[in-house]
Amino acid sequence: MLFDSDDDNLPEVPTIRSSSHTPLPTSTAQAQRLEQLEAEYRATRTETSAGRQRAARRRRSSRPLSPWKPMEVASHMWEECDEAAFYELRLLVPHLSPKFTCSYSDTVLLIAAIQSGGAASGNRHTLADKCQSLEADRRQLEQRLEKFRAQCEDLKSEVAEVKQKLKAVQEESKSSVSALAQRREEMRKQLLLEETRVEKLTVRNKKLVMENDFLKERVQGKSR
């Protein structure tokens, strides 16, 4: 809304306040800001109307004065708005040259750009902090991974040693089994030899008994 529908037909003049630490407003914030500006302008317009009424009363009580011109009032208010905008811009940019000049709209754009740039810088700082945190987490995970790898290598070495010991025990067991089998075979052969010897001795004993009996009978026959 650029013009109001009252008798003065004065253009609406927004008022700039210093908000160097606020980020770029959203649609809701812009609507609230617009309502605030309208309220401030209505208050300014009310004060201006009250001033004109007091001036009119003074004119009636003293001497007649020339009436206020709406365009002069609007121009004066726009000049105040420009000064407020430049003041805020110089607060944001303290080293701005005193010779620097620009229109009110350009001043507002510069202020918005600086504020949005500050918000973006804050976002960049936030992203940088997140990147640093993620990098620290990555390094920590890499260290843990290296530690687990070293533990795995140690476990592999222990498993290899256990396998070697088990293989040695198995080979020793096989050697023992082979030795026992060989000893058993030797005992079996020796037993067979003893059995054969016993059989031979038994046969010889029978022959000796028969020969003894024969000799006894022969001796008995001669004695008769």
N, C-alpha and C. Protein backbone atom coordinates (compact mmCIF):
# COMPACT_ATOMS: atom_id res chain seq x y z
N MET A 1 0.86 -1.18 0.00
CA MET A 1 0.00 0.00 0.00
C MET A 1 0.89 1.22 0.00
N LEU A 2 0.86 2.03 -1.06
CA LEU A 2 1.69 3.22 -1.18
C LEU A 2 0.99 4.47 -0.69
N PHE A 3 -0.36 4.56 -0.80
CA PHE A 3 -1.10 5.76 -0.41
C PHE A 3 -2.26 5.36 0.48
N ASP A 4 -2.53 6.20 1.45
CA ASP A 4 -3.66 5.97 2.34
C ASP A 4 -4.86 6.74 1.82
N SER A 5 -6.03 6.39 2.36
CA SER A 5 -7.27 6.99 1.86
C SER A 5 -7.76 8.12 2.76
N ASP A 6 -6.86 8.73 3.57
CA ASP A 6 -7.33 9.83 4.41
C ASP A 6 -7.28 11.14 3.63
N ASP A 7 -7.51 12.24 4.34
CA ASP A 7 -7.59 13.54 3.67
C ASP A 7 -6.25 14.02 3.18
N ASP A 8 -5.12 13.54 3.84
CA ASP A 8 -3.80 14.07 3.45
C ASP A 8 -3.25 13.39 2.22
N ASN A 9 -3.68 12.12 1.94
CA ASN A 9 -3.17 11.35 0.79
C ASN A 9 -1.65 11.27 0.82
N LEU A 10 -1.11 11.00 2.02
CA LEU A 10 0.34 10.92 2.16
C LEU A 10 0.81 9.51 1.83
N PRO A 11 1.99 9.37 1.18
CA PRO A 11 2.52 8.02 0.89
C PRO A 11 3.01 7.36 2.17
N GLU A 12 2.91 6.07 2.17
CA GLU A 12 3.34 5.30 3.35
C GLU A 12 4.86 5.25 3.40
N VAL A 13 5.46 5.54 4.52
CA VAL A 13 6.91 5.60 4.67
C VAL A 13 7.34 4.54 5.66
N PRO A 14 8.09 3.53 5.23
CA PRO A 14 8.57 2.51 6.17
C PRO A 14 9.69 3.06 7.02
N THR A 15 9.81 2.53 8.21
CA THR A 15 10.86 2.94 9.14
C THR A 15 11.85 1.82 9.29
N ILE A 16 13.15 2.09 9.17
CA ILE A 16 14.21 1.08 9.23
C ILE A 16 14.77 1.06 10.64
N ARG A 17 14.88 -0.10 11.22
CA ARG A 17 15.50 -0.26 12.52
C ARG A 17 16.72 -1.14 12.39
N SER A 18 17.65 -0.94 13.27
CA SER A 18 18.91 -1.71 13.20
C SER A 18 18.66 -3.13 13.64
N SER A 19 18.97 -4.06 12.79
CA SER A 19 18.83 -5.50 13.10
C SER A 19 19.98 -6.23 12.43
N SER A 20 21.18 -5.83 12.77
CA SER A 20 22.36 -6.36 12.08
C SER A 20 22.60 -7.82 12.39
N HIS A 21 21.99 -8.34 13.50
CA HIS A 21 22.25 -9.73 13.87
C HIS A 21 21.10 -10.65 13.51
N THR A 22 20.09 -10.14 12.79
CA THR A 22 18.94 -10.97 12.42
C THR A 22 19.15 -11.53 11.03
N PRO A 23 18.78 -12.80 10.75
CA PRO A 23 18.92 -13.37 9.41
C PRO A 23 17.87 -12.85 8.45
N LEU A 24 17.94 -13.25 7.21
CA LEU A 24 16.99 -12.85 6.18
C LEU A 24 15.59 -13.29 6.58
N PRO A 25 14.58 -12.34 6.66
CA PRO A 25 13.26 -12.71 7.17
C PRO A 25 12.53 -13.63 6.22
N THR A 26 11.71 -14.47 6.83
CA THR A 26 10.85 -15.35 6.06
C THR A 26 9.58 -14.61 5.69
N SER A 27 8.64 -15.31 5.02
CA SER A 27 7.38 -14.67 4.62
C SER A 27 6.58 -14.23 5.84
N THR A 28 6.59 -15.05 6.89
CA THR A 28 5.86 -14.67 8.11
C THR A 28 6.50 -13.45 8.76
N ALA A 29 7.82 -13.46 8.83
CA ALA A 29 8.53 -12.32 9.42
C ALA A 29 8.32 -11.06 8.58
N GLN A 30 8.28 -11.23 7.26
CA GLN A 30 8.04 -10.08 6.39
C GLN A 30 6.65 -9.50 6.63
N ALA A 31 5.66 -10.37 6.81
CA ALA A 31 4.30 -9.89 7.08
C ALA A 31 4.25 -9.15 8.41
N GLN A 32 4.92 -9.72 9.44
CA GLN A 32 4.96 -9.04 10.73
C GLN A 32 5.67 -7.70 10.61
N ARG A 33 6.77 -7.68 9.84
CA ARG A 33 7.50 -6.43 9.64
C ARG A 33 6.65 -5.39 8.94
N LEU A 34 5.85 -5.84 7.94
CA LEU A 34 4.97 -4.91 7.23
C LEU A 34 3.92 -4.34 8.16
N GLU A 35 3.34 -5.19 9.02
CA GLU A 35 2.35 -4.70 9.98
C GLU A 35 2.99 -3.70 10.94
N GLN A 36 4.23 -4.02 11.38
CA GLN A 36 4.93 -3.09 12.27
C GLN A 36 5.17 -1.75 11.61
N LEU A 37 5.59 -1.79 10.32
CA LEU A 37 5.83 -0.54 9.60
C LEU A 37 4.54 0.27 9.44
N GLU A 38 3.43 -0.45 9.14
CA GLU A 38 2.15 0.27 9.01
C GLU A 38 1.75 0.91 10.33
N ALA A 39 1.96 0.16 11.44
CA ALA A 39 1.60 0.71 12.75
C ALA A 39 2.46 1.93 13.08
N GLU A 40 3.76 1.82 12.78
CA GLU A 40 4.64 2.97 13.05
C GLU A 40 4.25 4.17 12.18
N TYR A 41 3.88 3.87 10.92
CA TYR A 41 3.48 4.99 10.06
C TYR A 41 2.19 5.63 10.54
N ARG A 42 1.25 4.80 11.00
CA ARG A 42 -0.01 5.36 11.52
C ARG A 42 0.28 6.23 12.74
N ALA A 43 1.22 5.72 13.60
CA ALA A 43 1.57 6.53 14.78
C ALA A 43 2.23 7.84 14.36
N THR A 44 3.12 7.75 13.34
CA THR A 44 3.76 8.98 12.84
C THR A 44 2.73 9.93 12.24
N ARG A 45 1.78 9.33 11.50
CA ARG A 45 0.74 10.16 10.88
C ARG A 45 -0.14 10.82 11.94
N THR A 46 -0.41 10.05 13.04
CA THR A 46 -1.23 10.62 14.12
C THR A 46 -0.50 11.79 14.78
N GLU A 47 0.84 11.56 15.02
CA GLU A 47 1.61 12.66 15.60
C GLU A 47 1.64 13.87 14.67
N THR A 48 1.76 13.59 13.35
CA THR A 48 1.77 14.71 12.39
C THR A 48 0.43 15.45 12.39
N SER A 49 -0.68 14.67 12.45
CA SER A 49 -2.00 15.31 12.49
C SER A 49 -2.16 16.14 13.75
N ALA A 50 -1.68 15.57 14.88
CA ALA A 50 -1.77 16.33 16.14
C ALA A 50 -0.95 17.61 16.06
N GLY A 51 0.24 17.50 15.41
CA GLY A 51 1.06 18.70 15.25
C GLY A 51 0.38 19.73 14.38
N ARG A 52 -0.28 19.25 13.31
CA ARG A 52 -0.99 20.21 12.45
C ARG A 52 -2.15 20.86 13.20
N GLN A 53 -2.84 20.06 14.05
CA GLN A 53 -3.95 20.65 14.81
C GLN A 53 -3.43 21.71 15.78
N ARG A 54 -2.29 21.39 16.45
CA ARG A 54 -1.75 22.40 17.37
C ARG A 54 -1.31 23.64 16.60
N ALA A 55 -0.71 23.41 15.41
CA ALA A 55 -0.29 24.56 14.60
C ALA A 55 -1.50 25.38 14.16
N ALA A 56 -2.59 24.68 13.82
CA ALA A 56 -3.80 25.40 13.40
C ALA A 56 -4.35 26.23 14.54
N ARG A 57 -4.32 25.63 15.77
CA ARG A 57 -4.82 26.40 16.92
C ARG A 57 -3.94 27.62 17.16
N ARG A 58 -2.61 27.40 16.98
CA ARG A 58 -1.73 28.56 17.17
C ARG A 58 -1.99 29.62 16.09
N ARG A 59 -2.26 29.16 14.85
CA ARG A 59 -2.53 30.14 13.79
C ARG A 59 -3.81 30.92 14.09
N ARG A 60 -4.82 30.17 14.61
CA ARG A 60 -6.06 30.88 14.92
C ARG A 60 -5.86 31.87 16.06
N SER A 61 -5.00 31.52 17.02
CA SER A 61 -4.81 32.41 18.17
C SER A 61 -3.87 33.57 17.85
N SER A 62 -2.96 33.39 16.88
CA SER A 62 -2.00 34.46 16.56
C SER A 62 -2.28 35.01 15.18
N ARG A 63 -1.44 34.58 14.23
CA ARG A 63 -1.61 35.10 12.89
C ARG A 63 -1.74 33.93 11.92
N PRO A 64 -2.34 34.14 10.82
CA PRO A 64 -2.52 33.03 9.87
C PRO A 64 -1.20 32.62 9.24
N LEU A 65 -1.01 31.30 9.12
CA LEU A 65 0.17 30.74 8.48
C LEU A 65 -0.23 30.03 7.20
N SER A 66 0.75 29.82 6.36
CA SER A 66 0.48 29.10 5.10
C SER A 66 0.20 27.64 5.41
N PRO A 67 -0.77 27.01 4.78
CA PRO A 67 -1.11 25.60 5.06
C PRO A 67 0.03 24.66 4.65
N TRP A 68 0.07 23.45 5.37
CA TRP A 68 1.07 22.42 5.05
C TRP A 68 0.76 21.81 3.70
N LYS A 69 1.81 21.60 2.96
CA LYS A 69 1.65 20.94 1.67
C LYS A 69 1.94 19.44 1.84
N PRO A 70 1.05 18.58 1.38
CA PRO A 70 1.27 17.14 1.57
C PRO A 70 2.58 16.67 0.96
N MET A 71 2.97 17.15 -0.20
CA MET A 71 4.19 16.68 -0.85
C MET A 71 5.42 17.07 -0.04
N GLU A 72 5.37 18.29 0.60
CA GLU A 72 6.51 18.69 1.43
C GLU A 72 6.64 17.78 2.64
N VAL A 73 5.50 17.40 3.25
CA VAL A 73 5.53 16.49 4.41
C VAL A 73 6.08 15.14 4.00
N ALA A 74 5.60 14.63 2.85
CA ALA A 74 6.07 13.33 2.38
C ALA A 74 7.55 13.37 2.08
N SER A 75 8.00 14.48 1.44
CA SER A 75 9.42 14.60 1.13
C SER A 75 10.26 14.62 2.41
N HIS A 76 9.77 15.35 3.42
CA HIS A 76 10.49 15.41 4.69
C HIS A 76 10.58 14.03 5.35
N MET A 77 9.49 13.29 5.30
CA MET A 77 9.47 11.96 5.92
C MET A 77 10.37 11.00 5.16
N TRP A 78 10.39 11.10 3.84
CA TRP A 78 11.28 10.24 3.04
C TRP A 78 12.74 10.56 3.33
N GLU A 79 13.04 11.86 3.53
CA GLU A 79 14.40 12.22 3.89
C GLU A 79 14.80 11.60 5.22
N GLU A 80 13.88 11.63 6.20
CA GLU A 80 14.17 10.99 7.48
C GLU A 80 14.37 9.49 7.32
N CYS A 81 13.56 8.89 6.44
CA CYS A 81 13.69 7.44 6.19
C CYS A 81 15.05 7.13 5.56
N ASP A 82 15.46 7.98 4.59
CA ASP A 82 16.78 7.79 3.96
C ASP A 82 17.89 7.89 5.00
N GLU A 83 17.77 8.89 5.89
CA GLU A 83 18.79 9.05 6.92
C GLU A 83 18.84 7.83 7.83
N ALA A 84 17.66 7.30 8.19
CA ALA A 84 17.63 6.10 9.05
C ALA A 84 18.25 4.91 8.34
N ALA A 85 17.95 4.77 7.04
CA ALA A 85 18.51 3.65 6.28
C ALA A 85 20.02 3.77 6.17
N PHE A 86 20.51 4.99 5.87
CA PHE A 86 21.96 5.20 5.80
C PHE A 86 22.63 4.96 7.15
N TYR A 87 21.94 5.34 8.22
CA TYR A 87 22.49 5.13 9.56
C TYR A 87 22.65 3.64 9.83
N GLU A 88 21.63 2.88 9.48
CA GLU A 88 21.72 1.42 9.69
C GLU A 88 22.81 0.81 8.80
N LEU A 89 22.91 1.29 7.55
CA LEU A 89 23.95 0.78 6.66
C LEU A 89 25.34 1.08 7.21
N ARG A 90 25.53 2.26 7.77
CA ARG A 90 26.84 2.60 8.33
C ARG A 90 27.12 1.82 9.61
N LEU A 91 26.05 1.43 10.33
CA LEU A 91 26.26 0.55 11.48
C LEU A 91 26.76 -0.81 11.02
N LEU A 92 26.21 -1.29 9.90
CA LEU A 92 26.64 -2.59 9.38
C LEU A 92 28.02 -2.50 8.74
N VAL A 93 28.32 -1.35 8.10
CA VAL A 93 29.62 -1.16 7.43
C VAL A 93 30.26 0.09 8.04
N PRO A 94 30.99 -0.05 9.15
CA PRO A 94 31.53 1.14 9.83
C PRO A 94 32.53 1.92 8.97
N HIS A 95 33.26 1.24 8.09
CA HIS A 95 34.31 1.90 7.30
C HIS A 95 33.78 2.40 5.95
N LEU A 96 32.48 2.57 5.84
CA LEU A 96 31.91 3.08 4.60
C LEU A 96 32.34 4.53 4.38
N SER A 97 32.68 4.86 3.14
CA SER A 97 33.16 6.21 2.84
C SER A 97 32.06 7.24 3.09
N PRO A 98 32.39 8.39 3.68
CA PRO A 98 31.37 9.43 3.89
C PRO A 98 30.80 9.97 2.58
N LYS A 99 31.55 9.84 1.49
CA LYS A 99 31.09 10.34 0.20
C LYS A 99 30.15 9.36 -0.50
N PHE A 100 29.96 8.18 0.08
CA PHE A 100 29.10 7.19 -0.56
C PHE A 100 27.64 7.60 -0.45
N THR A 101 26.92 7.57 -1.58
CA THR A 101 25.49 7.89 -1.61
C THR A 101 24.79 6.91 -2.54
N CYS A 102 23.55 6.64 -2.23
CA CYS A 102 22.71 5.80 -3.09
C CYS A 102 21.26 6.03 -2.71
N SER A 103 20.36 5.49 -3.52
CA SER A 103 18.93 5.69 -3.27
C SER A 103 18.48 4.85 -2.08
N TYR A 104 17.27 5.14 -1.63
CA TYR A 104 16.72 4.42 -0.48
C TYR A 104 16.56 2.93 -0.79
N SER A 105 16.05 2.63 -1.99
CA SER A 105 15.84 1.22 -2.36
C SER A 105 17.16 0.47 -2.43
N ASP A 106 18.21 1.13 -2.99
CA ASP A 106 19.53 0.49 -3.03
C ASP A 106 20.08 0.28 -1.62
N THR A 107 19.83 1.24 -0.75
CA THR A 107 20.29 1.09 0.64
C THR A 107 19.62 -0.11 1.31
N VAL A 108 18.31 -0.25 1.10
CA VAL A 108 17.59 -1.39 1.67
C VAL A 108 18.12 -2.70 1.10
N LEU A 109 18.39 -2.72 -0.21
CA LEU A 109 18.94 -3.93 -0.83
C LEU A 109 20.31 -4.28 -0.26
N LEU A 110 21.15 -3.26 -0.06
CA LEU A 110 22.47 -3.50 0.52
C LEU A 110 22.36 -4.06 1.94
N ILE A 111 21.45 -3.48 2.72
CA ILE A 111 21.26 -3.97 4.09
C ILE A 111 20.79 -5.42 4.09
N ALA A 112 19.81 -5.72 3.21
CA ALA A 112 19.31 -7.10 3.12
C ALA A 112 20.41 -8.05 2.67
N ALA A 113 21.24 -7.61 1.69
CA ALA A 113 22.32 -8.47 1.20
C ALA A 113 23.34 -8.74 2.30
N ILE A 114 23.68 -7.69 3.07
CA ILE A 114 24.65 -7.88 4.16
C ILE A 114 24.10 -8.82 5.21
N GLN A 115 22.82 -8.63 5.57
CA GLN A 115 22.22 -9.50 6.58
C GLN A 115 22.13 -10.94 6.09
N SER A 116 21.68 -11.11 4.84
CA SER A 116 21.61 -12.48 4.30
C SER A 116 23.00 -13.09 4.17
N GLY A 117 24.00 -12.25 3.83
CA GLY A 117 25.37 -12.75 3.78
C GLY A 117 25.86 -13.19 5.14
N GLY A 118 25.50 -12.44 6.19
CA GLY A 118 25.87 -12.86 7.54
C GLY A 118 25.21 -14.17 7.92
N ALA A 119 23.92 -14.33 7.54
CA ALA A 119 23.24 -15.60 7.82
C ALA A 119 23.89 -16.74 7.07
N ALA A 120 24.24 -16.48 5.77
CA ALA A 120 24.91 -17.53 4.99
C ALA A 120 26.26 -17.87 5.58
N SER A 121 26.97 -16.82 6.07
CA SER A 121 28.26 -17.09 6.71
C SER A 121 28.08 -17.94 7.95
N GLY A 122 27.02 -17.65 8.72
CA GLY A 122 26.74 -18.50 9.88
C GLY A 122 26.46 -19.93 9.48
N ASN A 123 25.70 -20.09 8.37
CA ASN A 123 25.44 -21.45 7.88
C ASN A 123 26.73 -22.12 7.45
N ARG A 124 27.62 -21.34 6.79
CA ARG A 124 28.90 -21.92 6.37
C ARG A 124 29.72 -22.35 7.57
N HIS A 125 29.70 -21.49 8.63
CA HIS A 125 30.42 -21.89 9.84
C HIS A 125 29.82 -23.16 10.43
N THR A 126 28.49 -23.24 10.41
CA THR A 126 27.85 -24.44 10.93
C THR A 126 28.24 -25.66 10.12
N LEU A 127 28.22 -25.54 8.79
CA LEU A 127 28.63 -26.66 7.94
C LEU A 127 30.09 -27.01 8.16
N ALA A 128 30.93 -25.99 8.34
CA ALA A 128 32.35 -26.26 8.60
C ALA A 128 32.53 -27.02 9.90
N ASP A 129 31.77 -26.61 10.93
CA ASP A 129 31.86 -27.34 12.20
C ASP A 129 31.41 -28.78 12.03
N LYS A 130 30.33 -28.99 11.26
CA LYS A 130 29.86 -30.35 11.02
C LYS A 130 30.89 -31.16 10.26
N CYS A 131 31.52 -30.53 9.27
CA CYS A 131 32.56 -31.24 8.51
C CYS A 131 33.73 -31.61 9.40
N GLN A 132 34.14 -30.69 10.27
CA GLN A 132 35.23 -31.00 11.19
C GLN A 132 34.84 -32.13 12.13
N SER A 133 33.60 -32.10 12.62
CA SER A 133 33.14 -33.18 13.50
C SER A 133 33.12 -34.52 12.78
N LEU A 134 32.62 -34.51 11.53
CA LEU A 134 32.59 -35.75 10.75
C LEU A 134 34.00 -36.24 10.45
N GLU A 135 34.92 -35.30 10.18
CA GLU A 135 36.31 -35.69 9.92
C GLU A 135 36.94 -36.31 11.16
N ALA A 136 36.66 -35.73 12.33
CA ALA A 136 37.17 -36.31 13.58
C ALA A 136 36.59 -37.70 13.81
N ASP A 137 35.28 -37.87 13.54
CA ASP A 137 34.66 -39.19 13.68
C ASP A 137 35.29 -40.18 12.71
N ARG A 138 35.58 -39.71 11.49
CA ARG A 138 36.19 -40.61 10.50
C ARG A 138 37.57 -41.07 10.95
N ARG A 139 38.37 -40.12 11.46
CA ARG A 139 39.70 -40.49 11.95
C ARG A 139 39.61 -41.46 13.13
N GLN A 140 38.64 -41.23 14.01
CA GLN A 140 38.46 -42.13 15.15
C GLN A 140 38.08 -43.52 14.69
N LEU A 141 37.18 -43.60 13.71
CA LEU A 141 36.77 -44.90 13.18
C LEU A 141 37.94 -45.59 12.48
N GLU A 142 38.76 -44.82 11.76
CA GLU A 142 39.93 -45.41 11.11
C GLU A 142 40.91 -45.97 12.15
N GLN A 143 41.10 -45.25 13.24
CA GLN A 143 41.98 -45.75 14.30
C GLN A 143 41.42 -47.04 14.90
N ARG A 144 40.11 -47.06 15.14
CA ARG A 144 39.51 -48.28 15.68
C ARG A 144 39.63 -49.43 14.69
N LEU A 145 39.47 -49.12 13.40
CA LEU A 145 39.59 -50.15 12.38
C LEU A 145 41.01 -50.71 12.34
N GLU A 146 42.02 -49.82 12.43
CA GLU A 146 43.40 -50.28 12.46
C GLU A 146 43.66 -51.15 13.69
N LYS A 147 43.08 -50.76 14.82
CA LYS A 147 43.24 -51.56 16.04
C LYS A 147 42.62 -52.94 15.86
N PHE A 148 41.42 -53.00 15.26
CA PHE A 148 40.77 -54.28 15.02
C PHE A 148 41.57 -55.12 14.03
N ARG A 149 42.16 -54.47 13.03
CA ARG A 149 42.99 -55.20 12.07
C ARG A 149 44.20 -55.81 12.76
N ALA A 150 44.84 -55.04 13.65
CA ALA A 150 45.99 -55.58 14.39
C ALA A 150 45.56 -56.76 15.26
N GLN A 151 44.40 -56.64 15.92
CA GLN A 151 43.90 -57.75 16.72
C GLN A 151 43.62 -58.97 15.85
N CYS A 152 43.06 -58.75 14.67
CA CYS A 152 42.80 -59.87 13.75
C CYS A 152 44.10 -60.55 13.33
N GLU A 153 45.14 -59.74 13.05
CA GLU A 153 46.43 -60.33 12.69
C GLU A 153 47.00 -61.15 13.84
N ASP A 154 46.88 -60.65 15.07
CA ASP A 154 47.35 -61.41 16.23
C ASP A 154 46.57 -62.72 16.37
N LEU A 155 45.25 -62.65 16.18
CA LEU A 155 44.44 -63.86 16.28
C LEU A 155 44.80 -64.85 15.18
N LYS A 156 45.09 -64.34 13.98
CA LYS A 156 45.51 -65.22 12.89
C LYS A 156 46.81 -65.93 13.25
N SER A 157 47.76 -65.19 13.85
CA SER A 157 49.03 -65.80 14.25
C SER A 157 48.79 -66.88 15.31
N GLU A 158 47.93 -66.58 16.29
CA GLU A 158 47.63 -67.57 17.32
C GLU A 158 46.97 -68.81 16.73
N VAL A 159 46.04 -68.61 15.80
CA VAL A 159 45.37 -69.74 15.15
C VAL A 159 46.38 -70.58 14.37
N ALA A 160 47.32 -69.91 13.68
CA ALA A 160 48.35 -70.65 12.93
C ALA A 160 49.21 -71.48 13.88
N GLU A 161 49.59 -70.91 15.03
CA GLU A 161 50.39 -71.66 16.00
C GLU A 161 49.62 -72.86 16.54
N VAL A 162 48.33 -72.64 16.84
CA VAL A 162 47.51 -73.76 17.34
C VAL A 162 47.38 -74.84 16.29
N LYS A 163 47.23 -74.46 15.04
CA LYS A 163 47.15 -75.45 13.97
C LYS A 163 48.44 -76.26 13.86
N GLN A 164 49.58 -75.56 13.97
CA GLN A 164 50.86 -76.27 13.91
C GLN A 164 50.99 -77.26 15.07
N LYS A 165 50.61 -76.82 16.28
CA LYS A 165 50.67 -77.72 17.42
C LYS A 165 49.75 -78.92 17.24
N LEU A 166 48.54 -78.67 16.74
CA LEU A 166 47.60 -79.76 16.51
C LEU A 166 48.13 -80.73 15.47
N LYS A 167 48.75 -80.20 14.44
CA LYS A 167 49.33 -81.05 13.41
C LYS A 167 50.46 -81.90 13.98
N ALA A 168 51.28 -81.28 14.84
CA ALA A 168 52.36 -82.04 15.47
C ALA A 168 51.81 -83.15 16.36
N VAL A 169 50.76 -82.83 17.12
CA VAL A 169 50.14 -83.85 17.97
C VAL A 169 49.55 -84.97 17.13
N GLN A 170 48.89 -84.60 16.03
CA GLN A 170 48.32 -85.63 15.15
C GLN A 170 49.41 -86.51 14.56
N GLU A 171 50.52 -85.90 14.13
CA GLU A 171 51.62 -86.70 13.58
C GLU A 171 52.22 -87.60 14.65
N GLU A 172 52.36 -87.06 15.86
CA GLU A 172 52.88 -87.88 16.95
C GLU A 172 51.93 -89.02 17.27
N SER A 173 50.64 -88.73 17.24
CA SER A 173 49.66 -89.78 17.48
C SER A 173 49.72 -90.85 16.41
N LYS A 174 49.86 -90.39 15.17
CA LYS A 174 49.99 -91.36 14.08
C LYS A 174 51.26 -92.20 14.25
N SER A 175 52.34 -91.56 14.68
CA SER A 175 53.59 -92.30 14.91
C SER A 175 53.40 -93.32 16.02
N SER A 176 52.71 -92.91 17.07
CA SER A 176 52.46 -93.84 18.18
C SER A 176 51.60 -95.00 17.73
N VAL A 177 50.59 -94.71 16.93
CA VAL A 177 49.72 -95.79 16.43
C VAL A 177 50.52 -96.74 15.55
N SER A 178 51.37 -96.15 14.71
CA SER A 178 52.19 -97.00 13.83
C SER A 178 53.15 -97.86 14.66
N ALA A 179 53.75 -97.26 15.69
CA ALA A 179 54.67 -98.03 16.54
C ALA A 179 53.93 -99.14 17.27
N LEU A 180 52.74 -98.83 17.77
CA LEU A 180 51.96 -99.86 18.46
C LEU A 180 51.56 -100.97 17.50
N ALA A 181 51.18 -100.59 16.29
CA ALA A 181 50.81 -101.62 15.31
C ALA A 181 52.01 -102.50 14.97
N GLN A 182 53.15 -101.85 14.83
CA GLN A 182 54.36 -102.64 14.53
C GLN A 182 54.71 -103.55 15.70
N ARG A 183 54.61 -103.04 16.92
CA ARG A 183 54.89 -103.87 18.09
C ARG A 183 53.91 -105.01 18.20
N ARG A 184 52.66 -104.76 17.92
CA ARG A 184 51.66 -105.82 17.97
C ARG A 184 51.96 -106.88 16.92
N GLU A 185 52.38 -106.44 15.73
CA GLU A 185 52.72 -107.41 14.69
C GLU A 185 53.92 -108.26 15.10
N GLU A 186 54.89 -107.62 15.72
CA GLU A 186 56.05 -108.38 16.20
C GLU A 186 55.63 -109.40 17.27
N MET A 187 54.77 -109.00 18.17
CA MET A 187 54.30 -109.91 19.21
C MET A 187 53.50 -111.06 18.59
N ARG A 188 52.72 -110.77 17.59
CA ARG A 188 51.95 -111.82 16.92
C ARG A 188 52.88 -112.84 16.26
N LYS A 189 53.91 -112.31 15.58
CA LYS A 189 54.86 -113.22 14.93
C LYS A 189 55.60 -114.07 15.97
N GLN A 190 55.98 -113.41 17.05
CA GLN A 190 56.67 -114.16 18.11
C GLN A 190 55.76 -115.23 18.71
N LEU A 191 54.50 -114.88 18.86
CA LEU A 191 53.54 -115.85 19.39
C LEU A 191 53.38 -117.02 18.44
N LEU A 192 53.35 -116.75 17.16
CA LEU A 192 53.25 -117.83 16.19
C LEU A 192 54.49 -118.74 16.26
N LEU A 193 55.64 -118.13 16.42
CA LEU A 193 56.86 -118.92 16.55
C LEU A 193 56.82 -119.80 17.80
N GLU A 194 56.33 -119.22 18.87
CA GLU A 194 56.23 -119.99 20.11
C GLU A 194 55.23 -121.13 19.95
N GLU A 195 54.13 -120.86 19.29
CA GLU A 195 53.14 -121.92 19.07
C GLU A 195 53.74 -123.04 18.21
N THR A 196 54.48 -122.67 17.19
CA THR A 196 55.12 -123.67 16.33
C THR A 196 56.14 -124.49 17.14
N ARG A 197 56.88 -123.80 17.96
CA ARG A 197 57.86 -124.49 18.81
C ARG A 197 57.19 -125.45 19.78
N VAL A 198 56.08 -124.99 20.34
CA VAL A 198 55.33 -125.85 21.27
C VAL A 198 54.82 -127.09 20.56
N GLU A 199 54.31 -126.91 19.36
CA GLU A 199 53.81 -128.05 18.59
C GLU A 199 54.96 -129.04 18.30
N LYS A 200 56.10 -128.49 17.93
CA LYS A 200 57.24 -129.37 17.65
C LYS A 200 57.67 -130.13 18.91
N LEU A 201 57.70 -129.38 20.01
CA LEU A 201 58.06 -130.03 21.26
C LEU A 201 57.03 -131.09 21.66
N THR A 202 55.80 -130.83 21.38
CA THR A 202 54.75 -131.80 21.70
C THR A 202 54.94 -133.08 20.88
N VAL A 203 55.21 -132.91 19.59
CA VAL A 203 55.43 -134.07 18.72
C VAL A 203 56.66 -134.85 19.18
N ARG A 204 57.69 -134.10 19.50
CA ARG A 204 58.92 -134.77 19.96
C ARG A 204 58.68 -135.50 21.28
N ASN A 205 57.91 -134.86 22.13
CA ASN A 205 57.58 -135.51 23.40
C ASN A 205 56.81 -136.79 23.18
N LYS A 206 55.88 -136.79 22.25
CA LYS A 206 55.12 -138.00 21.94
C LYS A 206 56.05 -139.09 21.40
N LYS A 207 56.95 -138.70 20.55
CA LYS A 207 57.89 -139.68 20.00
C LYS A 207 58.76 -140.28 21.11
N LEU A 208 59.19 -139.40 22.02
CA LEU A 208 60.00 -139.89 23.12
C LEU A 208 59.20 -140.82 24.03
N VAL A 209 57.96 -140.51 24.23
CA VAL A 209 57.11 -141.39 25.06
C VAL A 209 56.92 -142.74 24.39
N MET A 210 56.68 -142.72 23.08
CA MET A 210 56.50 -143.96 22.34
C MET A 210 57.81 -144.76 22.34
N GLU A 211 58.91 -144.06 22.16
CA GLU A 211 60.21 -144.77 22.19
C GLU A 211 60.49 -145.33 23.58
N ASN A 212 60.13 -144.60 24.58
CA ASN A 212 60.31 -145.08 25.94
C ASN A 212 59.45 -146.31 26.19
N ASP A 213 58.23 -146.30 25.73
CA ASP A 213 57.35 -147.45 25.89
C ASP A 213 57.92 -148.66 25.14
N PHE A 214 58.42 -148.41 23.95
CA PHE A 214 58.99 -149.49 23.15
C PHE A 214 60.19 -150.10 23.87
N LEU A 215 61.02 -149.26 24.43
CA LEU A 215 62.20 -149.75 25.14
C LEU A 215 61.79 -150.51 26.39
N LYS A 216 60.77 -150.07 27.07
CA LYS A 216 60.30 -150.78 28.24
C LYS A 216 59.81 -152.17 27.87
N GLU A 217 59.02 -152.25 26.81
CA GLU A 217 58.51 -153.55 26.37
C GLU A 217 59.66 -154.47 25.96
N ARG A 218 60.63 -153.91 25.31
CA ARG A 218 61.79 -154.72 24.87
C ARG A 218 62.58 -155.23 26.07
N VAL A 219 62.75 -154.38 27.04
CA VAL A 219 63.48 -154.81 28.24
C VAL A 219 62.69 -155.89 28.96
N GLN A 220 61.39 -155.72 29.04
CA GLN A 220 60.56 -156.72 29.69
C GLN A 220 60.61 -158.05 28.91
N GLY A 221 60.66 -157.99 27.58
CA GLY A 221 60.70 -159.22 26.80
C GLY A 221 62.03 -159.94 26.99
N LYS A 222 63.09 -159.30 27.10
CA LYS A 222 64.38 -159.92 27.32
C LYS A 222 64.48 -160.53 28.71
N SER A 223 63.86 -159.89 29.66
CA SER A 223 63.91 -160.41 31.01
C SER A 223 63.11 -161.68 31.15
N ARG A 224 62.20 -161.97 30.34
CA ARG A 224 61.42 -163.18 30.39
C ARG A 224 62.24 -164.30 29.78
